[in-house]
Amino acid sequence: MYAEQQSIQDQATDQPLLEIQNLAVSFMVHGSEIPAVKDVSFTIPKGKTVAIVGESGSGKSVTSQAILGILPSNGRISNGSIQYHCKPKNKPAQVVDIATLAPTSHAMRDLRGDEISIIFQEPMVSCRQYIPCWTRSAKH
């Protein structure tokens, strides 16, 4: 019984929760389109925690904003897909391409906060050296 239960749990966590494929984000600045993120692809498995790390200016925040549909008004997803595998209450499982949703749409508002959220790092207040990050995350 335990082995069967473990197998079912393993299958559930093997399924992706979020698949970002060939994501590109650009911004209109003074009438010109400026690319900010180019060809980003990664998968977040169900039941796992993922940290996006990189150098300053590498596109971490812009990628996260695209996933949440909170890009600044001059930003847009210019290529790629953000496939969210969800199971809404009392409905069959479905895949939603967040990249195609209007940021202010009812569907996007339903996902944001309840289904998908983010903890933005403010270096001066978020990660204090005397409080381990996992302790801080557990509190939220």
N, C-alpha and C. Protein backbone atom coordinates (compact mmCIF):
# COMPACT_ATOMS: atom_id res chain seq x y z
N MET A 1 0.83 -1.20 0.00
CA MET A 1 0.00 0.00 0.00
C MET A 1 0.87 1.25 0.00
N TYR A 2 1.90 1.28 0.85
CA TYR A 2 2.77 2.46 0.93
C TYR A 2 3.46 2.73 -0.40
N ALA A 3 3.98 1.66 -1.04
CA ALA A 3 4.68 1.82 -2.31
C ALA A 3 3.75 2.37 -3.38
N GLU A 4 2.49 1.91 -3.38
CA GLU A 4 1.52 2.40 -4.35
C GLU A 4 1.22 3.88 -4.09
N GLN A 5 1.05 4.23 -2.82
CA GLN A 5 0.79 5.62 -2.45
C GLN A 5 1.97 6.50 -2.84
N GLN A 6 3.18 6.03 -2.57
CA GLN A 6 4.38 6.79 -2.92
C GLN A 6 4.47 6.99 -4.43
N SER A 7 4.14 5.97 -5.20
CA SER A 7 4.16 6.05 -6.66
C SER A 7 3.19 7.12 -7.16
N ILE A 8 2.00 7.16 -6.57
CA ILE A 8 1.01 8.17 -6.95
C ILE A 8 1.53 9.56 -6.61
N GLN A 9 2.15 9.72 -5.45
CA GLN A 9 2.71 11.02 -5.07
C GLN A 9 3.83 11.42 -6.01
N ASP A 10 4.69 10.46 -6.39
CA ASP A 10 5.78 10.77 -7.32
C ASP A 10 5.23 11.21 -8.67
N GLN A 11 4.17 10.56 -9.15
CA GLN A 11 3.59 10.94 -10.42
C GLN A 11 3.03 12.35 -10.34
N ALA A 12 2.42 12.70 -9.23
CA ALA A 12 1.84 14.03 -9.08
C ALA A 12 2.92 15.10 -9.11
N THR A 13 4.07 14.83 -8.48
CA THR A 13 5.12 15.84 -8.46
C THR A 13 5.93 15.85 -9.74
N ASP A 14 5.85 14.78 -10.56
CA ASP A 14 6.55 14.77 -11.84
C ASP A 14 5.85 15.67 -12.87
N GLN A 15 4.58 15.91 -12.67
CA GLN A 15 3.84 16.76 -13.60
C GLN A 15 4.25 18.22 -13.40
N PRO A 16 4.39 18.96 -14.48
CA PRO A 16 4.77 20.36 -14.32
C PRO A 16 3.61 21.19 -13.75
N LEU A 17 3.96 22.19 -13.01
CA LEU A 17 2.99 23.15 -12.55
C LEU A 17 2.98 24.34 -13.51
N LEU A 18 4.19 24.73 -13.91
CA LEU A 18 4.35 25.88 -14.78
C LEU A 18 5.44 25.58 -15.79
N GLU A 19 5.18 25.85 -17.05
CA GLU A 19 6.18 25.66 -18.10
C GLU A 19 6.33 26.96 -18.87
N ILE A 20 7.50 27.54 -18.79
CA ILE A 20 7.81 28.75 -19.53
C ILE A 20 8.65 28.33 -20.73
N GLN A 21 8.19 28.70 -21.92
CA GLN A 21 8.90 28.28 -23.13
C GLN A 21 9.17 29.48 -24.03
N ASN A 22 10.44 29.70 -24.31
CA ASN A 22 10.88 30.74 -25.27
C ASN A 22 10.31 32.11 -24.96
N LEU A 23 10.21 32.44 -23.68
CA LEU A 23 9.62 33.71 -23.27
C LEU A 23 10.51 34.89 -23.67
N ALA A 24 9.89 35.87 -24.26
CA ALA A 24 10.56 37.13 -24.59
C ALA A 24 9.66 38.27 -24.13
N VAL A 25 10.26 39.26 -23.49
CA VAL A 25 9.53 40.43 -23.00
C VAL A 25 10.26 41.66 -23.51
N SER A 26 9.49 42.62 -23.97
CA SER A 26 10.11 43.87 -24.44
C SER A 26 9.34 45.06 -23.87
N PHE A 27 9.99 46.22 -23.94
CA PHE A 27 9.41 47.47 -23.44
C PHE A 27 9.48 48.53 -24.53
N MET A 28 8.42 49.32 -24.62
CA MET A 28 8.44 50.47 -25.53
C MET A 28 9.04 51.65 -24.77
N VAL A 29 10.15 52.16 -25.30
CA VAL A 29 10.83 53.29 -24.69
C VAL A 29 11.10 54.32 -25.77
N HIS A 30 10.51 55.49 -25.62
CA HIS A 30 10.68 56.59 -26.59
C HIS A 30 10.42 56.13 -28.02
N GLY A 31 9.35 55.34 -28.20
CA GLY A 31 8.95 54.90 -29.52
C GLY A 31 9.71 53.70 -30.08
N SER A 32 10.64 53.17 -29.33
CA SER A 32 11.40 52.00 -29.78
C SER A 32 11.14 50.81 -28.86
N GLU A 33 11.06 49.63 -29.46
CA GLU A 33 10.86 48.42 -28.68
C GLU A 33 12.22 47.89 -28.23
N ILE A 34 12.40 47.79 -26.91
CA ILE A 34 13.67 47.35 -26.32
C ILE A 34 13.46 45.96 -25.70
N PRO A 35 14.21 44.95 -26.18
CA PRO A 35 14.08 43.62 -25.57
C PRO A 35 14.70 43.59 -24.17
N ALA A 36 13.99 42.97 -23.24
CA ALA A 36 14.49 42.87 -21.87
C ALA A 36 14.77 41.42 -21.49
N VAL A 37 13.97 40.51 -21.98
CA VAL A 37 14.13 39.08 -21.72
C VAL A 37 14.05 38.39 -23.08
N LYS A 38 15.01 37.50 -23.33
CA LYS A 38 15.04 36.80 -24.62
C LYS A 38 15.14 35.30 -24.41
N ASP A 39 14.20 34.56 -24.98
CA ASP A 39 14.26 33.10 -25.08
C ASP A 39 14.49 32.39 -23.74
N VAL A 40 13.69 32.74 -22.74
CA VAL A 40 13.79 32.10 -21.42
C VAL A 40 12.86 30.89 -21.38
N SER A 41 13.40 29.76 -20.95
CA SER A 41 12.60 28.53 -20.82
C SER A 41 12.98 27.82 -19.52
N PHE A 42 11.98 27.42 -18.76
CA PHE A 42 12.20 26.58 -17.58
C PHE A 42 10.87 25.98 -17.16
N THR A 43 10.95 24.96 -16.33
CA THR A 43 9.76 24.27 -15.84
C THR A 43 9.80 24.25 -14.32
N ILE A 44 8.65 24.47 -13.72
CA ILE A 44 8.51 24.35 -12.27
C ILE A 44 7.63 23.13 -12.01
N PRO A 45 8.19 22.08 -11.39
CA PRO A 45 7.39 20.89 -11.10
C PRO A 45 6.40 21.15 -9.96
N LYS A 46 5.29 20.43 -9.97
CA LYS A 46 4.32 20.54 -8.87
C LYS A 46 4.98 20.12 -7.58
N GLY A 47 4.67 20.82 -6.51
CA GLY A 47 5.17 20.44 -5.19
C GLY A 47 6.60 20.85 -4.93
N LYS A 48 7.20 21.61 -5.81
CA LYS A 48 8.60 22.02 -5.64
C LYS A 48 8.68 23.53 -5.47
N THR A 49 9.75 23.97 -4.88
CA THR A 49 10.04 25.39 -4.73
C THR A 49 11.15 25.74 -5.69
N VAL A 50 11.00 26.86 -6.37
CA VAL A 50 12.00 27.30 -7.34
C VAL A 50 12.42 28.72 -7.01
N ALA A 51 13.71 28.95 -7.01
CA ALA A 51 14.24 30.30 -6.84
C ALA A 51 14.85 30.73 -8.16
N ILE A 52 14.54 31.94 -8.58
CA ILE A 52 15.13 32.49 -9.79
C ILE A 52 16.25 33.41 -9.34
N VAL A 53 17.47 33.06 -9.72
CA VAL A 53 18.64 33.83 -9.30
C VAL A 53 19.43 34.26 -10.53
N GLY A 54 20.14 35.34 -10.38
CA GLY A 54 20.97 35.83 -11.47
C GLY A 54 21.51 37.20 -11.15
N GLU A 55 22.35 37.67 -12.02
CA GLU A 55 22.96 38.98 -11.84
C GLU A 55 21.92 40.08 -11.95
N SER A 56 22.24 41.23 -11.41
CA SER A 56 21.39 42.40 -11.53
C SER A 56 21.17 42.71 -13.01
N GLY A 57 19.91 42.91 -13.39
CA GLY A 57 19.60 43.24 -14.78
C GLY A 57 19.46 42.04 -15.69
N SER A 58 19.49 40.83 -15.14
CA SER A 58 19.43 39.63 -15.98
C SER A 58 18.01 39.24 -16.39
N GLY A 59 16.99 39.87 -15.83
CA GLY A 59 15.62 39.60 -16.23
C GLY A 59 14.79 38.81 -15.24
N LYS A 60 15.29 38.63 -14.03
CA LYS A 60 14.56 37.86 -13.01
C LYS A 60 13.21 38.50 -12.69
N SER A 61 13.22 39.76 -12.38
CA SER A 61 11.98 40.44 -12.00
C SER A 61 11.03 40.56 -13.18
N VAL A 62 11.54 40.85 -14.36
CA VAL A 62 10.69 40.98 -15.55
C VAL A 62 10.05 39.64 -15.88
N THR A 63 10.79 38.56 -15.78
CA THR A 63 10.23 37.23 -16.01
C THR A 63 9.12 36.96 -15.00
N SER A 64 9.36 37.26 -13.74
CA SER A 64 8.37 37.05 -12.69
C SER A 64 7.14 37.92 -12.92
N GLN A 65 7.34 39.15 -13.32
CA GLN A 65 6.22 40.05 -13.61
C GLN A 65 5.39 39.52 -14.78
N ALA A 66 6.05 38.97 -15.78
CA ALA A 66 5.33 38.39 -16.93
C ALA A 66 4.47 37.22 -16.49
N ILE A 67 5.01 36.36 -15.62
CA ILE A 67 4.26 35.21 -15.13
C ILE A 67 3.01 35.65 -14.38
N LEU A 68 3.13 36.71 -13.60
CA LEU A 68 2.01 37.21 -12.81
C LEU A 68 1.10 38.16 -13.57
N GLY A 69 1.50 38.54 -14.77
CA GLY A 69 0.69 39.49 -15.54
C GLY A 69 0.72 40.88 -14.96
N ILE A 70 1.87 41.26 -14.38
CA ILE A 70 1.98 42.60 -13.76
C ILE A 70 3.11 43.41 -14.38
N LEU A 71 3.34 43.22 -15.67
CA LEU A 71 4.36 44.03 -16.35
C LEU A 71 3.94 45.49 -16.33
N PRO A 72 4.90 46.41 -16.30
CA PRO A 72 4.55 47.82 -16.42
C PRO A 72 3.78 48.08 -17.73
N SER A 73 3.07 49.18 -17.79
CA SER A 73 2.21 49.45 -18.95
C SER A 73 2.95 49.49 -20.28
N ASN A 74 4.24 49.78 -20.26
CA ASN A 74 5.01 49.83 -21.51
C ASN A 74 5.66 48.49 -21.85
N GLY A 75 5.40 47.46 -21.04
CA GLY A 75 5.98 46.14 -21.28
C GLY A 75 4.97 45.20 -21.89
N ARG A 76 5.49 44.22 -22.64
CA ARG A 76 4.61 43.22 -23.22
C ARG A 76 5.38 41.92 -23.45
N ILE A 77 4.65 40.81 -23.42
CA ILE A 77 5.24 39.52 -23.79
C ILE A 77 5.25 39.49 -25.31
N SER A 78 6.43 39.47 -25.89
CA SER A 78 6.54 39.53 -27.34
C SER A 78 6.70 38.16 -27.99
N ASN A 79 6.97 37.13 -27.17
CA ASN A 79 7.08 35.79 -27.71
C ASN A 79 7.00 34.78 -26.57
N GLY A 80 6.65 33.55 -26.92
CA GLY A 80 6.70 32.46 -25.97
C GLY A 80 5.38 32.18 -25.29
N SER A 81 5.42 31.21 -24.38
CA SER A 81 4.23 30.81 -23.66
C SER A 81 4.55 30.59 -22.19
N ILE A 82 3.53 30.75 -21.37
CA ILE A 82 3.61 30.51 -19.93
C ILE A 82 2.44 29.59 -19.60
N GLN A 83 2.69 28.30 -19.66
CA GLN A 83 1.64 27.29 -19.49
C GLN A 83 1.49 26.95 -18.01
N TYR A 84 0.32 27.28 -17.44
CA TYR A 84 0.03 26.98 -16.06
C TYR A 84 -0.94 25.80 -16.01
N HIS A 85 -0.51 24.72 -15.38
CA HIS A 85 -1.33 23.52 -15.25
C HIS A 85 -2.10 23.61 -13.94
N CYS A 86 -3.40 23.81 -14.03
CA CYS A 86 -4.17 24.05 -12.80
C CYS A 86 -5.38 23.12 -12.73
N LYS A 87 -5.91 23.06 -11.54
CA LYS A 87 -7.12 22.28 -11.28
C LYS A 87 -8.06 23.18 -10.49
N PRO A 88 -8.88 23.98 -11.20
CA PRO A 88 -9.82 24.86 -10.49
C PRO A 88 -10.81 24.05 -9.65
N LYS A 89 -11.31 24.67 -8.62
CA LYS A 89 -12.28 24.01 -7.74
C LYS A 89 -13.48 23.53 -8.55
N ASN A 90 -13.86 22.28 -8.32
CA ASN A 90 -15.03 21.67 -8.95
C ASN A 90 -14.99 21.70 -10.48
N LYS A 91 -13.81 21.72 -11.06
CA LYS A 91 -13.66 21.72 -12.51
C LYS A 91 -12.54 20.76 -12.89
N PRO A 92 -12.54 20.29 -14.13
CA PRO A 92 -11.45 19.40 -14.55
C PRO A 92 -10.13 20.17 -14.69
N ALA A 93 -9.04 19.42 -14.62
CA ALA A 93 -7.72 20.04 -14.79
C ALA A 93 -7.64 20.71 -16.16
N GLN A 94 -6.89 21.78 -16.24
CA GLN A 94 -6.74 22.50 -17.49
C GLN A 94 -5.37 23.15 -17.56
N VAL A 95 -5.00 23.56 -18.75
CA VAL A 95 -3.76 24.29 -18.96
C VAL A 95 -4.13 25.67 -19.47
N VAL A 96 -3.62 26.70 -18.80
CA VAL A 96 -3.89 28.08 -19.17
C VAL A 96 -2.58 28.70 -19.63
N ASP A 97 -2.59 29.32 -20.80
CA ASP A 97 -1.42 30.05 -21.27
C ASP A 97 -1.53 31.48 -20.77
N ILE A 98 -0.84 31.76 -19.67
CA ILE A 98 -0.89 33.07 -19.04
C ILE A 98 -0.46 34.17 -20.00
N ALA A 99 0.44 33.84 -20.92
CA ALA A 99 0.94 34.84 -21.87
C ALA A 99 -0.17 35.39 -22.76
N THR A 100 -1.27 34.67 -22.90
CA THR A 100 -2.36 35.12 -23.77
C THR A 100 -3.46 35.84 -23.00
N LEU A 101 -3.38 35.84 -21.67
CA LEU A 101 -4.42 36.48 -20.86
C LEU A 101 -4.16 37.97 -20.72
N ALA A 102 -5.22 38.75 -20.80
CA ALA A 102 -5.10 40.18 -20.52
C ALA A 102 -4.82 40.34 -19.03
N PRO A 103 -3.88 41.21 -18.66
CA PRO A 103 -3.51 41.36 -17.25
C PRO A 103 -4.67 41.71 -16.32
N THR A 104 -5.68 42.41 -16.85
CA THR A 104 -6.81 42.82 -16.01
C THR A 104 -8.01 41.90 -16.17
N SER A 105 -7.83 40.80 -16.90
CA SER A 105 -8.95 39.88 -17.13
C SER A 105 -9.35 39.17 -15.85
N HIS A 106 -10.59 38.71 -15.82
CA HIS A 106 -11.10 37.96 -14.68
C HIS A 106 -10.27 36.70 -14.46
N ALA A 107 -9.91 36.03 -15.56
CA ALA A 107 -9.12 34.79 -15.46
C ALA A 107 -7.76 35.05 -14.82
N MET A 108 -7.11 36.15 -15.21
CA MET A 108 -5.79 36.47 -14.64
C MET A 108 -5.92 36.86 -13.18
N ARG A 109 -6.94 37.63 -12.85
CA ARG A 109 -7.14 38.02 -11.45
C ARG A 109 -7.42 36.81 -10.57
N ASP A 110 -8.11 35.79 -11.12
CA ASP A 110 -8.37 34.57 -10.35
C ASP A 110 -7.08 33.81 -10.06
N LEU A 111 -6.14 33.84 -11.00
CA LEU A 111 -4.86 33.14 -10.81
C LEU A 111 -3.94 33.88 -9.85
N ARG A 112 -3.88 35.19 -10.01
CA ARG A 112 -2.94 36.02 -9.25
C ARG A 112 -3.34 36.05 -7.78
N GLY A 113 -2.42 35.67 -6.93
CA GLY A 113 -2.66 35.69 -5.49
C GLY A 113 -3.16 34.36 -4.98
N ASP A 114 -4.28 33.87 -5.52
CA ASP A 114 -4.83 32.59 -5.06
C ASP A 114 -4.03 31.41 -5.57
N GLU A 115 -3.59 31.46 -6.82
CA GLU A 115 -2.90 30.34 -7.44
C GLU A 115 -1.40 30.57 -7.57
N ILE A 116 -1.03 31.79 -7.96
CA ILE A 116 0.37 32.13 -8.21
C ILE A 116 0.69 33.42 -7.47
N SER A 117 1.81 33.42 -6.77
CA SER A 117 2.24 34.64 -6.09
C SER A 117 3.75 34.70 -6.09
N ILE A 118 4.28 35.79 -5.61
CA ILE A 118 5.72 36.00 -5.63
C ILE A 118 6.13 36.76 -4.38
N ILE A 119 7.33 36.50 -3.92
CA ILE A 119 7.92 37.29 -2.85
C ILE A 119 9.09 38.03 -3.49
N PHE A 120 8.90 39.32 -3.75
CA PHE A 120 9.99 40.10 -4.31
C PHE A 120 11.00 40.39 -3.22
N GLN A 121 12.26 40.36 -3.57
CA GLN A 121 13.31 40.59 -2.58
C GLN A 121 13.68 42.06 -2.55
N GLU A 122 13.55 42.64 -1.41
CA GLU A 122 14.08 43.98 -1.15
C GLU A 122 15.30 43.75 -0.29
N PRO A 123 16.49 43.90 -0.82
CA PRO A 123 17.68 43.49 -0.09
C PRO A 123 17.85 44.14 1.28
N MET A 124 17.35 45.33 1.47
CA MET A 124 17.55 46.01 2.74
C MET A 124 16.59 45.53 3.83
N VAL A 125 15.48 44.88 3.43
CA VAL A 125 14.51 44.44 4.43
C VAL A 125 14.16 42.97 4.35
N SER A 126 14.33 42.33 3.21
CA SER A 126 13.86 40.96 3.04
C SER A 126 14.75 39.91 3.66
N CYS A 127 16.03 39.96 3.40
CA CYS A 127 16.93 38.91 3.88
C CYS A 127 17.90 39.49 4.90
N ARG A 128 17.49 39.47 6.12
CA ARG A 128 18.39 39.91 7.18
C ARG A 128 19.31 38.74 7.52
N GLN A 129 20.55 39.03 7.78
CA GLN A 129 21.53 37.97 8.02
C GLN A 129 21.19 37.13 9.24
N TYR A 130 20.51 37.68 10.19
CA TYR A 130 20.23 36.94 11.41
C TYR A 130 18.92 36.15 11.33
N ILE A 131 18.17 36.25 10.23
CA ILE A 131 16.96 35.45 10.04
C ILE A 131 17.15 34.61 8.79
N PRO A 132 17.25 33.28 8.93
CA PRO A 132 17.41 32.42 7.75
C PRO A 132 16.23 32.59 6.79
N CYS A 133 16.50 32.58 5.50
CA CYS A 133 15.45 32.79 4.49
C CYS A 133 14.34 31.76 4.61
N TRP A 134 14.67 30.49 4.93
CA TRP A 134 13.62 29.48 5.02
C TRP A 134 12.70 29.76 6.19
N THR A 135 13.20 30.37 7.26
CA THR A 135 12.36 30.72 8.39
C THR A 135 11.42 31.85 7.99
N ARG A 136 11.95 32.82 7.29
CA ARG A 136 11.15 33.95 6.84
C ARG A 136 10.06 33.49 5.88
N SER A 137 10.40 32.61 4.94
CA SER A 137 9.43 32.12 3.96
C SER A 137 8.34 31.32 4.64
N ALA A 138 8.66 30.57 5.66
CA ALA A 138 7.69 29.75 6.36
C ALA A 138 6.64 30.60 7.08
N LYS A 139 7.02 31.82 7.44
CA LYS A 139 6.10 32.70 8.14
C LYS A 139 5.04 33.27 7.21
N HIS A 140 5.33 33.30 5.89
CA HIS A 140 4.40 33.92 4.93
C HIS A 140 3.51 32.90 4.35
